[in-house]
Amino acid sequence: MLPPGHIAGGYLVVYSLVKIFQPQFSPTEINQLLWYGMFFAFVPDLDMFVSFFRQRSCIIQKEHNHRKFYSHTPIVWLIVGCMVMIFAQSLFVVYIGLLIWLASWSHFVFDSLNYGIMWLFPFSRRLFSIRDAGVELEIKERGFFSFWMAFMRNYATRFRLTFFSEIGVVCMALIVFLFL
């Protein structure tokens, strides 16, 4: 999934937590939680910049797949989130720990639609996905803009489940933001 879908998913995670548990936070604190949720839903993809640096290009290549890094495994974010919650000095920080865990896991759920995630890491490196585990898009174009245009075209056709799920999540987040 692309950044807008992950960010929208993080927004919906925070919105859901606040509606379900109704913590007594100020509007400023709720807004801060929304920003944290959106950030932590996207943060597992920051390892992509390591891939870009290693290959010295903003064009994705198979041998530098960022989903094979430790930072793209659910157990890492579960541990970090739990550690923050355990050592939290306030309810607000407990919620931040909860968001580190749940918002990052929303990222992994979406990435599990296509390609897959190593859900059982460190016990297994097997990728779990609903469709096309480990399948990468083959893009021949090498110019920056031509590559990304071809990527988006192929992404929308080859990974329809993810593409339309992403559109749905972004639309849902916009509806919640604008009307609820």
N, C-alpha and C. Protein backbone atom coordinates (compact mmCIF):
# COMPACT_ATOMS: atom_id res chain seq x y z
N MET A 1 0.85 -1.17 0.00
CA MET A 1 0.00 0.00 0.00
C MET A 1 0.89 1.24 0.00
N LEU A 2 0.35 2.30 -0.51
CA LEU A 2 1.09 3.55 -0.61
C LEU A 2 0.86 4.41 0.65
N PRO A 3 1.70 5.43 0.86
CA PRO A 3 1.59 6.25 2.07
C PRO A 3 0.19 6.80 2.38
N PRO A 4 -0.58 7.32 1.40
CA PRO A 4 -1.90 7.85 1.77
C PRO A 4 -2.81 6.82 2.45
N GLY A 5 -2.76 5.59 2.00
CA GLY A 5 -3.58 4.54 2.61
C GLY A 5 -3.14 4.21 4.02
N HIS A 6 -1.83 4.12 4.23
CA HIS A 6 -1.32 3.83 5.57
C HIS A 6 -1.65 4.97 6.54
N ILE A 7 -1.47 6.19 6.09
CA ILE A 7 -1.74 7.36 6.94
C ILE A 7 -3.23 7.42 7.28
N ALA A 8 -4.08 7.18 6.30
CA ALA A 8 -5.53 7.17 6.55
C ALA A 8 -5.89 6.06 7.52
N GLY A 9 -5.25 4.91 7.39
CA GLY A 9 -5.49 3.80 8.32
C GLY A 9 -5.11 4.18 9.74
N GLY A 10 -3.99 4.88 9.91
CA GLY A 10 -3.57 5.34 11.24
C GLY A 10 -4.56 6.32 11.83
N TYR A 11 -5.08 7.20 11.00
CA TYR A 11 -6.10 8.16 11.45
C TYR A 11 -7.33 7.41 11.97
N LEU A 12 -7.76 6.40 11.22
CA LEU A 12 -8.95 5.63 11.62
C LEU A 12 -8.70 4.82 12.89
N VAL A 13 -7.47 4.35 13.10
CA VAL A 13 -7.14 3.63 14.33
C VAL A 13 -7.32 4.55 15.53
N VAL A 14 -6.77 5.76 15.44
CA VAL A 14 -6.89 6.71 16.55
C VAL A 14 -8.35 7.09 16.77
N TYR A 15 -9.04 7.40 15.70
CA TYR A 15 -10.45 7.78 15.82
C TYR A 15 -11.24 6.67 16.52
N SER A 16 -11.01 5.44 16.14
CA SER A 16 -11.71 4.30 16.75
C SER A 16 -11.37 4.16 18.22
N LEU A 17 -10.09 4.26 18.57
CA LEU A 17 -9.69 4.13 19.98
C LEU A 17 -10.33 5.21 20.84
N VAL A 18 -10.34 6.43 20.33
CA VAL A 18 -10.91 7.54 21.10
C VAL A 18 -12.42 7.36 21.25
N LYS A 19 -13.09 6.89 20.20
CA LYS A 19 -14.54 6.69 20.29
C LYS A 19 -14.89 5.52 21.21
N ILE A 20 -14.10 4.45 21.18
CA ILE A 20 -14.39 3.27 21.99
C ILE A 20 -14.09 3.52 23.47
N PHE A 21 -12.89 4.06 23.77
CA PHE A 21 -12.47 4.19 25.17
C PHE A 21 -12.79 5.54 25.79
N GLN A 22 -13.07 6.53 24.98
CA GLN A 22 -13.43 7.87 25.42
C GLN A 22 -12.53 8.40 26.55
N PRO A 23 -11.23 8.48 26.29
CA PRO A 23 -10.32 9.01 27.31
C PRO A 23 -10.60 10.50 27.53
N GLN A 24 -10.33 10.97 28.70
CA GLN A 24 -10.58 12.37 29.05
C GLN A 24 -9.38 13.23 28.66
N PHE A 25 -9.15 13.35 27.36
CA PHE A 25 -8.06 14.16 26.85
C PHE A 25 -8.61 15.47 26.30
N SER A 26 -7.78 16.48 26.30
CA SER A 26 -8.16 17.77 25.72
C SER A 26 -8.19 17.64 24.19
N PRO A 27 -8.86 18.56 23.50
CA PRO A 27 -8.84 18.53 22.04
C PRO A 27 -7.43 18.59 21.46
N THR A 28 -6.54 19.32 22.11
CA THR A 28 -5.15 19.38 21.66
C THR A 28 -4.48 18.02 21.76
N GLU A 29 -4.72 17.32 22.86
CA GLU A 29 -4.14 15.99 23.04
C GLU A 29 -4.72 15.00 22.03
N ILE A 30 -6.02 15.10 21.74
CA ILE A 30 -6.64 14.23 20.73
C ILE A 30 -5.99 14.48 19.38
N ASN A 31 -5.78 15.75 19.04
CA ASN A 31 -5.11 16.07 17.77
C ASN A 31 -3.69 15.53 17.74
N GLN A 32 -2.99 15.61 18.85
CA GLN A 32 -1.64 15.05 18.91
C GLN A 32 -1.67 13.54 18.69
N LEU A 33 -2.64 12.88 19.30
CA LEU A 33 -2.78 11.43 19.10
C LEU A 33 -3.06 11.11 17.64
N LEU A 34 -3.89 11.92 16.99
CA LEU A 34 -4.16 11.70 15.56
C LEU A 34 -2.88 11.79 14.74
N TRP A 35 -2.05 12.78 15.04
CA TRP A 35 -0.78 12.91 14.32
C TRP A 35 0.14 11.73 14.61
N TYR A 36 0.21 11.31 15.88
CA TYR A 36 1.02 10.15 16.23
C TYR A 36 0.53 8.90 15.50
N GLY A 37 -0.78 8.71 15.48
CA GLY A 37 -1.34 7.54 14.80
C GLY A 37 -1.02 7.52 13.32
N MET A 38 -1.16 8.66 12.67
CA MET A 38 -0.84 8.72 11.23
C MET A 38 0.64 8.47 11.00
N PHE A 39 1.49 9.02 11.88
CA PHE A 39 2.94 8.81 11.74
C PHE A 39 3.30 7.35 11.94
N PHE A 40 2.82 6.74 13.01
CA PHE A 40 3.20 5.35 13.29
C PHE A 40 2.58 4.36 12.31
N ALA A 41 1.52 4.74 11.63
CA ALA A 41 0.98 3.88 10.58
C ALA A 41 1.86 3.91 9.34
N PHE A 42 2.59 4.99 9.14
CA PHE A 42 3.49 5.11 7.99
C PHE A 42 4.92 4.71 8.32
N VAL A 43 5.33 4.84 9.57
CA VAL A 43 6.74 4.70 9.95
C VAL A 43 7.40 3.37 9.53
N PRO A 44 6.70 2.23 9.46
CA PRO A 44 7.40 1.03 8.98
C PRO A 44 7.95 1.19 7.56
N ASP A 45 7.37 2.07 6.77
CA ASP A 45 7.88 2.28 5.41
C ASP A 45 9.09 3.20 5.35
N LEU A 46 9.48 3.78 6.48
CA LEU A 46 10.68 4.61 6.46
C LEU A 46 11.93 3.78 6.14
N ASP A 47 11.84 2.46 6.36
CA ASP A 47 12.97 1.61 6.00
C ASP A 47 13.19 1.60 4.49
N MET A 48 12.21 2.08 3.73
CA MET A 48 12.36 2.17 2.28
C MET A 48 13.50 3.14 1.92
N PHE A 49 13.71 4.15 2.76
CA PHE A 49 14.78 5.09 2.47
C PHE A 49 16.15 4.43 2.58
N VAL A 50 16.27 3.41 3.43
CA VAL A 50 17.50 2.64 3.50
C VAL A 50 17.72 1.91 2.17
N SER A 51 16.64 1.35 1.63
CA SER A 51 16.72 0.69 0.33
C SER A 51 17.14 1.68 -0.75
N PHE A 52 16.51 2.86 -0.75
CA PHE A 52 16.86 3.87 -1.74
C PHE A 52 18.33 4.26 -1.61
N PHE A 53 18.81 4.40 -0.37
CA PHE A 53 20.20 4.78 -0.15
C PHE A 53 21.15 3.67 -0.62
N ARG A 54 20.84 2.43 -0.32
CA ARG A 54 21.69 1.31 -0.72
C ARG A 54 21.81 1.18 -2.23
N GLN A 55 20.70 1.41 -2.93
CA GLN A 55 20.74 1.26 -4.38
C GLN A 55 21.02 2.59 -5.08
N ARG A 56 21.11 3.67 -4.28
CA ARG A 56 21.41 5.00 -4.79
C ARG A 56 20.44 5.46 -5.87
N SER A 57 19.15 5.16 -5.63
CA SER A 57 18.13 5.51 -6.60
C SER A 57 16.77 5.52 -5.92
N CYS A 58 15.87 6.33 -6.41
CA CYS A 58 14.48 6.36 -5.91
C CYS A 58 13.60 5.44 -6.74
N ILE A 59 14.22 4.52 -7.42
CA ILE A 59 13.50 3.54 -8.21
C ILE A 59 13.64 2.19 -7.50
N ILE A 60 12.52 1.56 -7.22
CA ILE A 60 12.50 0.31 -6.44
C ILE A 60 13.10 -0.84 -7.25
N GLN A 61 13.97 -1.61 -6.61
CA GLN A 61 14.53 -2.80 -7.22
C GLN A 61 14.33 -3.98 -6.27
N LYS A 62 14.09 -5.15 -6.84
CA LYS A 62 13.77 -6.35 -6.05
C LYS A 62 14.79 -6.66 -4.97
N GLU A 63 16.06 -6.54 -5.30
CA GLU A 63 17.08 -6.98 -4.36
C GLU A 63 17.19 -6.08 -3.13
N HIS A 64 16.50 -4.95 -3.13
CA HIS A 64 16.54 -4.04 -1.99
C HIS A 64 15.15 -3.86 -1.39
N ASN A 65 14.41 -4.94 -1.25
CA ASN A 65 13.04 -4.84 -0.76
C ASN A 65 13.02 -4.50 0.72
N HIS A 66 12.42 -3.39 1.05
CA HIS A 66 12.39 -2.92 2.43
C HIS A 66 11.51 -3.78 3.33
N ARG A 67 10.64 -4.60 2.78
CA ARG A 67 9.77 -5.44 3.62
C ARG A 67 10.52 -6.62 4.23
N LYS A 68 11.77 -6.77 3.90
CA LYS A 68 12.57 -7.86 4.46
C LYS A 68 13.45 -7.38 5.62
N PHE A 69 13.34 -6.12 5.99
CA PHE A 69 14.10 -5.57 7.11
C PHE A 69 13.37 -5.87 8.42
N TYR A 70 14.11 -5.89 9.51
CA TYR A 70 13.52 -6.12 10.82
C TYR A 70 12.48 -5.05 11.16
N SER A 71 12.69 -3.85 10.68
CA SER A 71 11.76 -2.76 10.98
C SER A 71 10.41 -2.94 10.31
N HIS A 72 10.30 -3.95 9.45
CA HIS A 72 9.03 -4.23 8.79
C HIS A 72 8.42 -5.53 9.32
N THR A 73 8.67 -5.81 10.60
CA THR A 73 8.11 -7.00 11.23
C THR A 73 7.22 -6.58 12.40
N PRO A 74 6.06 -7.18 12.53
CA PRO A 74 5.11 -6.80 13.59
C PRO A 74 5.66 -6.94 15.01
N ILE A 75 6.51 -7.94 15.26
CA ILE A 75 7.00 -8.16 16.62
C ILE A 75 7.80 -6.97 17.13
N VAL A 76 8.55 -6.31 16.25
CA VAL A 76 9.34 -5.15 16.65
C VAL A 76 8.43 -4.05 17.19
N TRP A 77 7.35 -3.77 16.48
CA TRP A 77 6.46 -2.67 16.87
C TRP A 77 5.60 -3.05 18.07
N LEU A 78 5.28 -4.33 18.21
CA LEU A 78 4.58 -4.78 19.40
C LEU A 78 5.46 -4.56 20.63
N ILE A 79 6.71 -4.94 20.55
CA ILE A 79 7.64 -4.79 21.68
C ILE A 79 7.85 -3.33 22.02
N VAL A 80 8.09 -2.49 21.01
CA VAL A 80 8.31 -1.06 21.26
C VAL A 80 7.06 -0.44 21.89
N GLY A 81 5.89 -0.74 21.34
CA GLY A 81 4.65 -0.20 21.90
C GLY A 81 4.41 -0.64 23.33
N CYS A 82 4.65 -1.92 23.61
CA CYS A 82 4.46 -2.43 24.97
C CYS A 82 5.45 -1.82 25.94
N MET A 83 6.68 -1.61 25.50
CA MET A 83 7.69 -0.99 26.37
C MET A 83 7.27 0.44 26.72
N VAL A 84 6.77 1.18 25.75
CA VAL A 84 6.30 2.54 26.03
C VAL A 84 5.14 2.50 27.02
N MET A 85 4.21 1.57 26.82
CA MET A 85 3.06 1.48 27.73
C MET A 85 3.49 1.10 29.14
N ILE A 86 4.43 0.17 29.26
CA ILE A 86 4.87 -0.30 30.58
C ILE A 86 5.55 0.82 31.37
N PHE A 87 6.37 1.62 30.68
CA PHE A 87 7.12 2.66 31.38
C PHE A 87 6.45 4.04 31.33
N ALA A 88 5.23 4.10 30.83
CA ALA A 88 4.53 5.38 30.72
C ALA A 88 4.23 5.98 32.08
N GLN A 89 4.38 7.28 32.17
CA GLN A 89 4.08 8.00 33.41
C GLN A 89 2.70 8.65 33.39
N SER A 90 2.02 8.58 32.24
CA SER A 90 0.69 9.18 32.13
C SER A 90 -0.17 8.37 31.17
N LEU A 91 -1.48 8.57 31.26
CA LEU A 91 -2.40 7.87 30.37
C LEU A 91 -2.15 8.27 28.91
N PHE A 92 -1.79 9.53 28.69
CA PHE A 92 -1.51 10.00 27.34
C PHE A 92 -0.37 9.21 26.72
N VAL A 93 0.70 8.97 27.46
CA VAL A 93 1.84 8.21 26.95
C VAL A 93 1.46 6.74 26.77
N VAL A 94 0.58 6.22 27.60
CA VAL A 94 0.07 4.86 27.40
C VAL A 94 -0.61 4.77 26.04
N TYR A 95 -1.40 5.78 25.71
CA TYR A 95 -2.06 5.81 24.40
C TYR A 95 -1.06 5.91 23.26
N ILE A 96 0.02 6.64 23.46
CA ILE A 96 1.06 6.70 22.43
C ILE A 96 1.66 5.31 22.22
N GLY A 97 1.94 4.60 23.30
CA GLY A 97 2.44 3.22 23.18
C GLY A 97 1.45 2.33 22.47
N LEU A 98 0.18 2.50 22.79
CA LEU A 98 -0.86 1.72 22.12
C LEU A 98 -0.90 2.04 20.63
N LEU A 99 -0.68 3.30 20.29
CA LEU A 99 -0.67 3.69 18.87
C LEU A 99 0.56 3.17 18.14
N ILE A 100 1.70 3.14 18.83
CA ILE A 100 2.89 2.57 18.20
C ILE A 100 2.59 1.14 17.77
N TRP A 101 1.92 0.42 18.63
CA TRP A 101 1.56 -0.96 18.33
C TRP A 101 0.46 -1.03 17.28
N LEU A 102 -0.70 -0.46 17.55
CA LEU A 102 -1.87 -0.67 16.69
C LEU A 102 -1.78 0.05 15.35
N ALA A 103 -1.27 1.26 15.32
CA ALA A 103 -1.17 1.98 14.04
C ALA A 103 -0.15 1.30 13.13
N SER A 104 0.97 0.85 13.69
CA SER A 104 1.94 0.14 12.85
C SER A 104 1.36 -1.19 12.36
N TRP A 105 0.57 -1.83 13.19
CA TRP A 105 -0.05 -3.09 12.76
C TRP A 105 -1.11 -2.87 11.71
N SER A 106 -1.76 -1.69 11.71
CA SER A 106 -2.69 -1.40 10.61
C SER A 106 -1.90 -1.38 9.30
N HIS A 107 -0.68 -0.87 9.36
CA HIS A 107 0.21 -0.87 8.19
C HIS A 107 0.44 -2.31 7.72
N PHE A 108 0.73 -3.18 8.64
CA PHE A 108 1.04 -4.57 8.28
C PHE A 108 -0.19 -5.31 7.75
N VAL A 109 -1.35 -5.00 8.29
CA VAL A 109 -2.58 -5.62 7.78
C VAL A 109 -2.77 -5.23 6.32
N PHE A 110 -2.60 -3.94 6.01
CA PHE A 110 -2.74 -3.50 4.62
C PHE A 110 -1.68 -4.10 3.72
N ASP A 111 -0.45 -4.20 4.21
CA ASP A 111 0.61 -4.82 3.40
C ASP A 111 0.38 -6.31 3.22
N SER A 112 -0.49 -6.90 4.04
CA SER A 112 -0.80 -8.32 3.91
C SER A 112 -1.86 -8.60 2.85
N LEU A 113 -2.46 -7.56 2.29
CA LEU A 113 -3.40 -7.78 1.20
C LEU A 113 -2.65 -8.33 -0.01
N ASN A 114 -1.58 -7.68 -0.39
CA ASN A 114 -0.69 -8.14 -1.45
C ASN A 114 0.73 -8.08 -0.92
N TYR A 115 1.60 -8.79 -1.49
CA TYR A 115 3.01 -8.96 -1.16
C TYR A 115 3.20 -9.76 0.12
N GLY A 116 2.75 -9.25 1.25
CA GLY A 116 2.85 -10.03 2.48
C GLY A 116 3.79 -9.44 3.52
N ILE A 117 3.64 -9.96 4.72
CA ILE A 117 4.42 -9.54 5.88
C ILE A 117 4.90 -10.79 6.60
N MET A 118 6.06 -10.69 7.24
CA MET A 118 6.60 -11.80 8.02
C MET A 118 5.95 -11.79 9.41
N TRP A 119 4.70 -12.21 9.49
CA TRP A 119 3.95 -12.16 10.74
C TRP A 119 4.56 -13.05 11.82
N LEU A 120 5.23 -14.11 11.46
CA LEU A 120 5.79 -15.04 12.45
C LEU A 120 7.28 -14.80 12.74
N PHE A 121 7.83 -13.71 12.25
CA PHE A 121 9.22 -13.39 12.53
C PHE A 121 9.39 -13.23 14.03
N PRO A 122 10.38 -13.76 14.67
CA PRO A 122 11.64 -14.33 14.19
C PRO A 122 11.62 -15.84 13.98
N PHE A 123 10.45 -16.45 14.14
CA PHE A 123 10.37 -17.90 13.98
C PHE A 123 10.34 -18.34 12.53
N SER A 124 9.88 -17.46 11.66
CA SER A 124 9.80 -17.78 10.24
C SER A 124 9.92 -16.49 9.43
N ARG A 125 10.53 -16.61 8.26
CA ARG A 125 10.62 -15.47 7.34
C ARG A 125 9.56 -15.56 6.23
N ARG A 126 8.65 -16.50 6.40
CA ARG A 126 7.58 -16.67 5.41
C ARG A 126 6.70 -15.43 5.36
N LEU A 127 6.34 -15.03 4.13
CA LEU A 127 5.44 -13.90 3.93
C LEU A 127 4.00 -14.40 3.93
N PHE A 128 3.16 -13.73 4.71
CA PHE A 128 1.74 -14.06 4.75
C PHE A 128 0.97 -12.93 4.05
N SER A 129 0.15 -13.33 3.08
CA SER A 129 -0.68 -12.34 2.39
C SER A 129 -1.95 -13.01 1.89
N ILE A 130 -2.94 -12.18 1.61
CA ILE A 130 -4.19 -12.70 1.05
C ILE A 130 -3.96 -13.12 -0.40
N ARG A 131 -3.19 -12.32 -1.14
CA ARG A 131 -2.90 -12.62 -2.54
C ARG A 131 -1.45 -12.32 -2.85
N ASP A 132 -0.89 -13.02 -3.76
CA ASP A 132 0.40 -12.71 -4.38
C ASP A 132 1.55 -12.51 -3.40
N ALA A 133 1.77 -13.46 -2.50
CA ALA A 133 2.87 -13.34 -1.55
C ALA A 133 4.21 -13.23 -2.27
N GLY A 134 4.91 -12.14 -1.98
CA GLY A 134 6.24 -11.93 -2.54
C GLY A 134 6.29 -11.45 -3.98
N VAL A 135 5.14 -11.26 -4.61
CA VAL A 135 5.12 -10.82 -6.01
C VAL A 135 5.47 -9.34 -6.07
N GLU A 136 6.39 -9.01 -6.94
CA GLU A 136 6.81 -7.62 -7.14
C GLU A 136 6.38 -7.17 -8.52
N LEU A 137 6.17 -5.88 -8.65
CA LEU A 137 5.86 -5.31 -9.95
C LEU A 137 7.14 -5.22 -10.77
N GLU A 138 7.08 -5.63 -12.01
CA GLU A 138 8.22 -5.52 -12.91
C GLU A 138 8.05 -4.25 -13.73
N ILE A 139 8.87 -3.25 -13.46
CA ILE A 139 8.80 -1.98 -14.17
C ILE A 139 10.10 -1.82 -14.95
N LYS A 140 9.98 -1.64 -16.24
CA LYS A 140 11.17 -1.52 -17.10
C LYS A 140 11.70 -0.09 -17.19
N GLU A 141 10.82 0.90 -17.05
CA GLU A 141 11.23 2.29 -17.19
C GLU A 141 12.25 2.66 -16.10
N ARG A 142 13.21 3.49 -16.44
CA ARG A 142 14.25 3.86 -15.48
C ARG A 142 14.27 5.35 -15.15
N GLY A 143 13.63 6.19 -15.92
CA GLY A 143 13.55 7.60 -15.56
C GLY A 143 12.63 7.76 -14.36
N PHE A 144 12.89 8.74 -13.52
CA PHE A 144 12.15 8.90 -12.28
C PHE A 144 10.65 8.98 -12.54
N PHE A 145 10.21 9.95 -13.34
CA PHE A 145 8.78 10.14 -13.55
C PHE A 145 8.17 9.01 -14.37
N SER A 146 8.88 8.55 -15.38
CA SER A 146 8.32 7.45 -16.18
C SER A 146 8.22 6.18 -15.35
N PHE A 147 9.19 5.94 -14.46
CA PHE A 147 9.12 4.78 -13.57
C PHE A 147 7.88 4.86 -12.68
N TRP A 148 7.70 5.99 -12.01
CA TRP A 148 6.60 6.10 -11.05
C TRP A 148 5.24 6.13 -11.73
N MET A 149 5.15 6.67 -12.93
CA MET A 149 3.88 6.61 -13.68
C MET A 149 3.56 5.16 -14.05
N ALA A 150 4.57 4.42 -14.52
CA ALA A 150 4.37 3.01 -14.85
C ALA A 150 4.05 2.21 -13.59
N PHE A 151 4.71 2.54 -12.49
CA PHE A 151 4.45 1.87 -11.22
C PHE A 151 2.99 2.04 -10.82
N MET A 152 2.49 3.28 -10.87
CA MET A 152 1.10 3.54 -10.48
C MET A 152 0.11 2.82 -11.40
N ARG A 153 0.38 2.82 -12.70
CA ARG A 153 -0.48 2.11 -13.65
C ARG A 153 -0.52 0.62 -13.32
N ASN A 154 0.65 0.03 -13.13
CA ASN A 154 0.72 -1.40 -12.82
C ASN A 154 0.14 -1.73 -11.45
N TYR A 155 0.39 -0.87 -10.49
CA TYR A 155 -0.13 -1.05 -9.13
C TYR A 155 -1.66 -1.09 -9.16
N ALA A 156 -2.26 -0.17 -9.91
CA ALA A 156 -3.73 -0.09 -9.97
C ALA A 156 -4.34 -1.30 -10.68
N THR A 157 -3.60 -1.92 -11.60
CA THR A 157 -4.17 -3.06 -12.33
C THR A 157 -3.74 -4.40 -11.72
N ARG A 158 -2.49 -4.54 -11.35
CA ARG A 158 -1.97 -5.82 -10.84
C ARG A 158 -2.42 -6.10 -9.41
N PHE A 159 -2.44 -5.06 -8.59
CA PHE A 159 -2.80 -5.19 -7.18
C PHE A 159 -4.12 -4.49 -6.91
N ARG A 160 -5.15 -4.91 -7.61
CA ARG A 160 -6.47 -4.25 -7.50
C ARG A 160 -7.02 -4.28 -6.08
N LEU A 161 -6.86 -5.40 -5.40
CA LEU A 161 -7.39 -5.53 -4.04
C LEU A 161 -6.79 -4.43 -3.15
N THR A 162 -5.49 -4.28 -3.18
CA THR A 162 -4.83 -3.26 -2.38
C THR A 162 -5.21 -1.86 -2.86
N PHE A 163 -5.21 -1.66 -4.17
CA PHE A 163 -5.51 -0.35 -4.74
C PHE A 163 -6.90 0.13 -4.32
N PHE A 164 -7.92 -0.71 -4.47
CA PHE A 164 -9.27 -0.29 -4.12
C PHE A 164 -9.48 -0.25 -2.61
N SER A 165 -8.78 -1.09 -1.87
CA SER A 165 -8.83 -0.99 -0.41
C SER A 165 -8.26 0.34 0.04
N GLU A 166 -7.17 0.73 -0.59
CA GLU A 166 -6.54 2.01 -0.24
C GLU A 166 -7.48 3.18 -0.53
N ILE A 167 -8.12 3.15 -1.68
CA ILE A 167 -9.07 4.21 -2.01
C ILE A 167 -10.20 4.23 -0.98
N GLY A 168 -10.69 3.06 -0.60
CA GLY A 168 -11.76 2.98 0.39
C GLY A 168 -11.34 3.53 1.75
N VAL A 169 -10.15 3.18 2.19
CA VAL A 169 -9.66 3.65 3.50
C VAL A 169 -9.46 5.16 3.49
N VAL A 170 -8.89 5.68 2.42
CA VAL A 170 -8.69 7.13 2.32
C VAL A 170 -10.03 7.85 2.30
N CYS A 171 -10.99 7.35 1.55
CA CYS A 171 -12.33 7.96 1.51
C CYS A 171 -13.01 7.90 2.87
N MET A 172 -12.88 6.76 3.56
CA MET A 172 -13.47 6.61 4.88
C MET A 172 -12.85 7.61 5.87
N ALA A 173 -11.53 7.75 5.83
CA ALA A 173 -10.85 8.70 6.72
C ALA A 173 -11.29 10.13 6.40
N LEU A 174 -11.45 10.46 5.13
CA LEU A 174 -11.91 11.80 4.77
C LEU A 174 -13.33 12.04 5.26
N ILE A 175 -14.19 11.05 5.15
CA ILE A 175 -15.57 11.20 5.64
C ILE A 175 -15.58 11.41 7.15
N VAL A 176 -14.79 10.63 7.86
CA VAL A 176 -14.71 10.77 9.32
C VAL A 176 -14.18 12.16 9.67
N PHE A 177 -13.13 12.57 8.97
CA PHE A 177 -12.51 13.88 9.24
C PHE A 177 -13.48 15.03 8.97
N LEU A 178 -14.21 14.95 7.87
CA LEU A 178 -15.07 16.06 7.46
C LEU A 178 -16.44 16.09 8.15
N PHE A 179 -16.98 14.92 8.46
CA PHE A 179 -18.36 14.88 8.92
C PHE A 179 -18.59 14.36 10.32
N LEU A 180 -17.62 13.71 10.95
CA LEU A 180 -17.85 13.16 12.28
C LEU A 180 -17.01 13.83 13.34
